[in-house]
Amino acid sequence: MRKILYIMIGCISLGLGIIGVILPILPTVPFVLLAAFCFAKSSERLDGWFKNTKLYEENNIKSGMTKRARLRMMCSVTLLMSIGFIMMGLKGIVVGNIVLLIVWIFHMVYFTFGVKTV
């Protein structure tokens, strides 16, 4: 039962990751990482297949990311976080804006200096 649940969650997150490749507003990497985790927990055969796909190889943070994948991810995260920043700013939520700004800065620093480019 648990393996079937992992396969279902993996397939859904893989689908969302593929949609994220096409639509820049949807981040790809978190969904690909979730799919990798779920497929690894479900079966060796499915895990092996997934790790040999182009989508996994392009978004594999462990070995590095392509400049295109990193730029796409950083732009989509910036766009989504700016929507939240603007919405909280309109409501006057200063603490939320500060927290979101700090998270955004750490995200940019990590993906600029912490993830190597392949």
Protein backbone atom coordinates (compact mmCIF):
# COMPACT_ATOMS: atom_id res chain seq x y z
CA MET A 1 0.00 0.00 0.00
CA ARG A 2 2.83 2.40 0.89
CA LYS A 3 4.66 1.72 -2.41
CA ILE A 4 1.50 2.48 -4.39
CA LEU A 5 1.12 5.78 -2.52
CA TYR A 6 4.74 6.70 -3.28
CA ILE A 7 4.23 5.86 -6.96
CA MET A 8 1.07 7.99 -7.13
CA ILE A 9 2.70 10.98 -5.41
CA GLY A 10 5.80 10.55 -7.60
CA CYS A 11 3.75 10.51 -10.81
CA ILE A 12 1.75 13.59 -9.78
CA SER A 13 4.88 15.53 -8.82
CA LEU A 14 6.62 14.41 -12.03
CA GLY A 15 3.64 15.73 -14.00
CA LEU A 16 3.79 19.04 -12.15
CA GLY A 17 7.55 19.18 -12.77
CA ILE A 18 7.02 18.66 -16.50
CA ILE A 19 4.38 21.39 -16.52
CA GLY A 20 6.90 23.59 -14.66
CA VAL A 21 9.35 23.19 -17.55
CA ILE A 22 6.77 24.71 -19.88
CA LEU A 23 5.22 27.29 -17.54
CA PRO A 24 7.80 29.53 -15.85
CA ILE A 25 5.41 30.40 -13.02
CA LEU A 26 5.50 26.82 -11.67
CA PRO A 27 8.86 25.77 -10.17
CA THR A 28 10.30 22.55 -11.57
CA VAL A 29 13.02 21.55 -9.12
CA PRO A 30 10.92 20.92 -5.97
CA PHE A 31 8.55 18.67 -7.89
CA VAL A 32 11.40 16.78 -9.55
CA LEU A 33 13.08 16.26 -6.19
CA LEU A 34 9.82 15.02 -4.66
CA ALA A 35 9.35 12.64 -7.60
CA ALA A 36 12.91 11.36 -7.17
CA PHE A 37 12.32 10.73 -3.47
CA CYS A 38 9.01 8.96 -4.07
CA PHE A 39 10.35 6.82 -6.90
CA ALA A 40 13.39 5.84 -4.82
CA LYS A 41 11.07 4.71 -2.02
CA SER A 42 8.70 2.84 -4.34
CA SER A 43 10.91 0.59 -6.51
CA GLU A 44 14.46 0.24 -7.81
CA ARG A 45 13.27 -0.14 -11.38
CA LEU A 46 11.23 3.08 -11.30
CA ASP A 47 14.07 4.90 -9.53
CA GLY A 48 16.57 3.79 -12.19
CA TRP A 49 14.26 4.85 -15.01
CA PHE A 50 13.66 8.27 -13.48
CA LYS A 51 17.32 8.98 -12.84
CA ASN A 52 18.07 8.35 -16.52
CA THR A 53 15.51 10.88 -17.79
CA LYS A 54 16.59 14.21 -19.21
CA LEU A 55 14.36 16.08 -16.75
CA TYR A 56 16.17 14.59 -13.75
CA GLU A 57 19.62 15.16 -15.23
CA GLU A 58 18.88 18.83 -16.00
CA ASN A 59 17.55 19.55 -12.51
CA ASN A 60 19.91 17.41 -10.43
CA ILE A 61 21.25 19.85 -7.86
CA LYS A 62 23.72 17.34 -6.41
CA SER A 63 25.91 17.27 -9.52
CA GLY A 64 25.10 20.87 -10.44
CA MET A 65 22.59 22.68 -12.60
CA THR A 66 22.75 24.17 -16.05
CA LYS A 67 22.75 27.95 -16.23
CA ARG A 68 19.41 27.83 -18.00
CA ALA A 69 17.76 25.67 -15.31
CA ARG A 70 19.17 27.80 -12.51
CA LEU A 71 18.11 31.05 -14.14
CA ARG A 72 14.63 29.68 -14.87
CA MET A 73 14.21 28.57 -11.28
CA MET A 74 15.53 31.81 -9.80
CA CYS A 75 13.23 33.89 -12.01
CA SER A 76 10.13 31.84 -11.20
CA VAL A 77 10.85 31.95 -7.46
CA THR A 78 11.45 35.70 -7.64
CA LEU A 79 8.19 36.20 -9.53
CA LEU A 80 6.16 34.11 -7.08
CA MET A 81 7.77 35.66 -4.01
CA SER A 82 7.25 39.17 -5.38
CA ILE A 83 3.52 38.47 -5.68
CA GLY A 84 3.44 37.54 -1.99
CA PHE A 85 5.61 40.54 -1.15
CA ILE A 86 3.27 42.92 -2.96
CA MET A 87 0.13 41.37 -1.46
CA MET A 88 1.54 41.61 2.07
CA GLY A 89 2.71 45.16 1.38
CA LEU A 90 -0.78 46.19 0.34
CA LYS A 91 -2.16 44.73 3.58
CA GLY A 92 0.57 46.45 5.65
CA ILE A 93 2.20 43.23 6.90
CA VAL A 94 5.72 44.52 7.46
CA VAL A 95 7.07 41.50 9.37
CA GLY A 96 5.91 39.16 6.60
CA ASN A 97 7.67 41.29 4.01
CA ILE A 98 10.89 41.25 6.02
CA VAL A 99 10.77 37.46 6.43
CA LEU A 100 10.02 36.96 2.73
CA LEU A 101 12.85 39.28 1.76
CA ILE A 102 15.32 37.38 3.97
CA VAL A 103 14.19 34.04 2.52
CA TRP A 104 14.55 35.43 -1.02
CA ILE A 105 18.06 36.75 -0.30
CA PHE A 106 19.21 33.39 1.10
CA HIS A 107 17.66 31.61 -1.88
CA MET A 108 19.50 33.85 -4.35
CA VAL A 109 22.81 33.54 -2.48
CA TYR A 110 22.53 29.74 -2.26
CA PHE A 111 21.70 29.21 -5.92
CA THR A 112 24.27 31.77 -7.07
CA PHE A 113 27.21 30.55 -5.00
CA GLY A 114 26.20 27.20 -3.47
CA VAL A 115 25.09 25.24 -6.55
CA LYS A 116 27.76 24.56 -9.13
CA THR A 117 27.10 25.06 -12.81
CA VAL A 118 27.52 22.19 -15.23
